[in-house]
Amino acid sequence: MREDWPEPVTVVGRPVRGLVGESRRSAHLFTLEPGTVLYGSLTARCGTELTLPQVEWLQPGAGMPCECCLALAPGLAA
């Protein structure tokens, strides 16, 4: 992401098909900071770590959400 981007961006991804069982292919939330170069792996809010080739990127709202990621998302606390 460009370093002059004004704020962090949250993206949604899940493990690619075949990496884990279908019931474990939750949609995780990943925060990308401005100026960050993506390489190696990413860590979701819940702590799940995936290498870039292991991530299937999703549109927001797609897939079964990871409940831990949602609980740790800012602004969503009840």
N, C-alpha and C. Protein backbone atom coordinates (compact mmCIF):
# COMPACT_ATOMS: atom_id res chain seq x y z
N MET A 1 0.84 -1.16 0.00
CA MET A 1 0.00 0.00 0.00
C MET A 1 0.90 1.24 0.00
N ARG A 2 0.45 2.26 -0.67
CA ARG A 2 1.23 3.49 -0.75
C ARG A 2 1.43 4.08 0.64
N GLU A 3 2.60 4.65 0.87
CA GLU A 3 2.89 5.21 2.20
C GLU A 3 2.13 6.51 2.46
N ASP A 4 1.62 7.16 1.41
CA ASP A 4 0.87 8.39 1.63
C ASP A 4 -0.63 8.15 1.80
N TRP A 5 -1.04 6.87 1.88
CA TRP A 5 -2.44 6.56 2.12
C TRP A 5 -2.79 7.08 3.51
N PRO A 6 -3.97 7.69 3.70
CA PRO A 6 -4.25 8.39 4.95
C PRO A 6 -4.46 7.52 6.19
N GLU A 7 -4.83 6.27 6.03
CA GLU A 7 -5.11 5.43 7.21
C GLU A 7 -5.00 3.96 6.86
N PRO A 8 -4.92 3.09 7.88
CA PRO A 8 -4.88 1.65 7.62
C PRO A 8 -6.14 1.17 6.90
N VAL A 9 -6.01 0.08 6.16
CA VAL A 9 -7.12 -0.51 5.42
C VAL A 9 -7.31 -1.94 5.92
N THR A 10 -8.56 -2.34 6.12
CA THR A 10 -8.86 -3.71 6.51
C THR A 10 -9.31 -4.48 5.27
N VAL A 11 -8.67 -5.64 5.05
CA VAL A 11 -9.02 -6.50 3.93
C VAL A 11 -9.48 -7.85 4.47
N VAL A 12 -10.23 -8.59 3.65
CA VAL A 12 -10.81 -9.86 4.07
C VAL A 12 -10.19 -10.98 3.24
N GLY A 13 -9.76 -12.04 3.91
CA GLY A 13 -9.21 -13.19 3.20
C GLY A 13 -9.43 -14.46 4.00
N ARG A 14 -9.38 -15.57 3.31
CA ARG A 14 -9.52 -16.87 3.97
C ARG A 14 -8.52 -17.84 3.36
N PRO A 15 -8.25 -18.95 4.05
CA PRO A 15 -7.34 -19.95 3.48
C PRO A 15 -7.86 -20.47 2.14
N VAL A 16 -6.95 -20.68 1.20
CA VAL A 16 -7.34 -21.20 -0.11
C VAL A 16 -7.92 -22.60 0.04
N ARG A 17 -8.73 -22.98 -0.93
CA ARG A 17 -9.36 -24.30 -0.94
C ARG A 17 -8.28 -25.39 -0.89
N GLY A 18 -8.46 -26.36 -0.02
CA GLY A 18 -7.54 -27.49 0.10
C GLY A 18 -6.50 -27.30 1.20
N LEU A 19 -6.29 -26.09 1.68
CA LEU A 19 -5.31 -25.85 2.74
C LEU A 19 -5.83 -26.37 4.08
N VAL A 20 -7.10 -26.11 4.35
CA VAL A 20 -7.78 -26.60 5.55
C VAL A 20 -9.14 -27.13 5.13
N GLY A 21 -9.83 -27.79 6.03
CA GLY A 21 -11.18 -28.28 5.73
C GLY A 21 -12.13 -27.12 5.51
N GLU A 22 -13.20 -27.37 4.78
CA GLU A 22 -14.16 -26.31 4.46
C GLU A 22 -14.71 -25.61 5.70
N SER A 23 -14.91 -26.34 6.78
CA SER A 23 -15.48 -25.73 7.98
C SER A 23 -14.49 -24.78 8.66
N ARG A 24 -13.21 -24.83 8.28
CA ARG A 24 -12.18 -23.96 8.87
C ARG A 24 -11.78 -22.82 7.94
N ARG A 25 -12.47 -22.66 6.83
CA ARG A 25 -12.14 -21.60 5.87
C ARG A 25 -12.87 -20.30 6.21
N SER A 26 -12.66 -19.83 7.43
CA SER A 26 -13.30 -18.59 7.88
C SER A 26 -12.68 -17.39 7.19
N ALA A 27 -13.49 -16.36 7.03
CA ALA A 27 -13.03 -15.09 6.45
C ALA A 27 -12.40 -14.26 7.57
N HIS A 28 -11.09 -14.04 7.47
CA HIS A 28 -10.34 -13.30 8.48
C HIS A 28 -10.16 -11.84 8.07
N LEU A 29 -9.95 -10.99 9.07
CA LEU A 29 -9.69 -9.57 8.83
C LEU A 29 -8.20 -9.29 8.99
N PHE A 30 -7.62 -8.68 7.98
CA PHE A 30 -6.20 -8.31 7.98
C PHE A 30 -6.10 -6.79 7.86
N THR A 31 -5.29 -6.17 8.69
CA THR A 31 -5.10 -4.73 8.63
C THR A 31 -3.80 -4.43 7.90
N LEU A 32 -3.89 -3.60 6.86
CA LEU A 32 -2.72 -3.19 6.10
C LEU A 32 -2.40 -1.74 6.45
N GLU A 33 -1.17 -1.52 6.90
CA GLU A 33 -0.73 -0.18 7.28
C GLU A 33 -0.14 0.53 6.05
N PRO A 34 -0.34 1.84 5.95
CA PRO A 34 0.25 2.59 4.84
C PRO A 34 1.77 2.40 4.79
N GLY A 35 2.29 2.22 3.59
CA GLY A 35 3.72 2.04 3.39
C GLY A 35 4.23 0.63 3.59
N THR A 36 3.36 -0.29 3.99
CA THR A 36 3.76 -1.68 4.23
C THR A 36 3.93 -2.42 2.91
N VAL A 37 5.04 -3.11 2.78
CA VAL A 37 5.27 -3.97 1.61
C VAL A 37 4.84 -5.38 1.99
N LEU A 38 3.96 -5.96 1.21
CA LEU A 38 3.48 -7.31 1.50
C LEU A 38 4.45 -8.35 0.96
N TYR A 39 4.94 -9.19 1.87
CA TYR A 39 5.78 -10.32 1.49
C TYR A 39 5.71 -11.33 2.63
N GLY A 40 6.02 -12.56 2.36
CA GLY A 40 6.03 -13.56 3.42
C GLY A 40 4.64 -13.93 3.87
N SER A 41 4.24 -13.43 5.02
CA SER A 41 2.94 -13.81 5.57
C SER A 41 2.23 -12.61 6.18
N LEU A 42 0.94 -12.80 6.43
CA LEU A 42 0.10 -11.80 7.08
C LEU A 42 -0.52 -12.44 8.31
N THR A 43 -0.75 -11.64 9.32
CA THR A 43 -1.40 -12.13 10.53
C THR A 43 -2.75 -11.43 10.68
N ALA A 44 -3.80 -12.23 10.81
CA ALA A 44 -5.15 -11.71 10.99
C ALA A 44 -5.31 -11.16 12.40
N ARG A 45 -6.38 -10.43 12.62
CA ARG A 45 -6.64 -9.87 13.96
C ARG A 45 -6.69 -10.96 15.03
N CYS A 46 -7.16 -12.14 14.66
CA CYS A 46 -7.29 -13.24 15.62
C CYS A 46 -5.98 -13.97 15.88
N GLY A 47 -4.94 -13.65 15.09
CA GLY A 47 -3.66 -14.31 15.25
C GLY A 47 -3.36 -15.37 14.20
N THR A 48 -4.34 -15.71 13.37
CA THR A 48 -4.11 -16.67 12.29
C THR A 48 -3.10 -16.09 11.31
N GLU A 49 -2.06 -16.87 10.99
CA GLU A 49 -1.03 -16.42 10.07
C GLU A 49 -1.11 -17.23 8.78
N LEU A 50 -1.13 -16.53 7.66
CA LEU A 50 -1.18 -17.17 6.34
C LEU A 50 -0.11 -16.54 5.45
N THR A 51 0.56 -17.37 4.65
CA THR A 51 1.47 -16.81 3.66
C THR A 51 0.62 -16.25 2.52
N LEU A 52 1.17 -15.34 1.75
CA LEU A 52 0.39 -14.70 0.67
C LEU A 52 -0.23 -15.70 -0.30
N PRO A 53 0.50 -16.77 -0.74
CA PRO A 53 -0.14 -17.73 -1.65
C PRO A 53 -1.27 -18.53 -1.00
N GLN A 54 -1.35 -18.52 0.33
CA GLN A 54 -2.39 -19.27 1.03
C GLN A 54 -3.67 -18.47 1.23
N VAL A 55 -3.70 -17.21 0.78
CA VAL A 55 -4.86 -16.35 1.01
C VAL A 55 -5.74 -16.24 -0.23
N GLU A 56 -7.02 -16.50 -0.05
CA GLU A 56 -8.02 -16.20 -1.08
C GLU A 56 -8.67 -14.89 -0.64
N TRP A 57 -8.46 -13.83 -1.42
CA TRP A 57 -9.00 -12.52 -1.05
C TRP A 57 -10.47 -12.47 -1.38
N LEU A 58 -11.26 -11.87 -0.49
CA LEU A 58 -12.71 -11.82 -0.62
C LEU A 58 -13.21 -10.38 -0.61
N GLN A 59 -14.40 -10.20 -1.16
CA GLN A 59 -15.11 -8.92 -1.05
C GLN A 59 -15.66 -8.84 0.38
N PRO A 60 -15.73 -7.64 0.96
CA PRO A 60 -16.33 -7.52 2.29
C PRO A 60 -17.73 -8.12 2.31
N GLY A 61 -18.02 -8.88 3.35
CA GLY A 61 -19.32 -9.52 3.49
C GLY A 61 -19.37 -10.93 2.92
N ALA A 62 -18.35 -11.36 2.20
CA ALA A 62 -18.33 -12.71 1.62
C ALA A 62 -17.72 -13.70 2.61
N GLY A 63 -18.15 -14.92 2.55
CA GLY A 63 -17.58 -15.98 3.38
C GLY A 63 -18.10 -15.96 4.81
N MET A 64 -17.84 -17.06 5.51
CA MET A 64 -18.23 -17.17 6.92
C MET A 64 -17.20 -16.43 7.76
N PRO A 65 -17.61 -15.41 8.51
CA PRO A 65 -16.63 -14.60 9.24
C PRO A 65 -15.99 -15.35 10.41
N CYS A 66 -14.75 -15.03 10.66
CA CYS A 66 -14.05 -15.50 11.85
C CYS A 66 -14.58 -14.69 13.03
N GLU A 67 -15.19 -15.35 13.99
CA GLU A 67 -15.80 -14.65 15.12
C GLU A 67 -14.77 -13.90 15.95
N CYS A 68 -13.57 -14.45 16.09
CA CYS A 68 -12.52 -13.78 16.87
C CYS A 68 -12.09 -12.48 16.17
N CYS A 69 -11.92 -12.52 14.85
CA CYS A 69 -11.56 -11.32 14.10
C CYS A 69 -12.61 -10.23 14.27
N LEU A 70 -13.89 -10.64 14.19
CA LEU A 70 -14.98 -9.68 14.35
C LEU A 70 -14.99 -9.08 15.74
N ALA A 71 -14.76 -9.92 16.76
CA ALA A 71 -14.77 -9.43 18.13
C ALA A 71 -13.64 -8.44 18.38
N LEU A 72 -12.54 -8.58 17.65
CA LEU A 72 -11.38 -7.69 17.83
C LEU A 72 -11.38 -6.50 16.89
N ALA A 73 -12.40 -6.39 16.04
CA ALA A 73 -12.49 -5.27 15.11
C ALA A 73 -12.90 -4.00 15.85
N PRO A 74 -12.22 -2.88 15.59
CA PRO A 74 -12.58 -1.65 16.28
C PRO A 74 -13.96 -1.14 15.86
N GLY A 75 -14.65 -0.54 16.79
CA GLY A 75 -15.95 0.06 16.49
C GLY A 75 -17.11 -0.91 16.43
N LEU A 76 -16.86 -2.19 16.71
CA LEU A 76 -17.95 -3.15 16.64
C LEU A 76 -18.37 -3.66 18.01
N ALA A 77 -17.75 -3.15 19.06
CA ALA A 77 -18.10 -3.62 20.40
C ALA A 77 -19.50 -3.17 20.77
N ALA A 78 -20.20 -4.02 21.48
CA ALA A 78 -21.59 -3.70 21.88
C ALA A 78 -21.61 -2.93 23.19
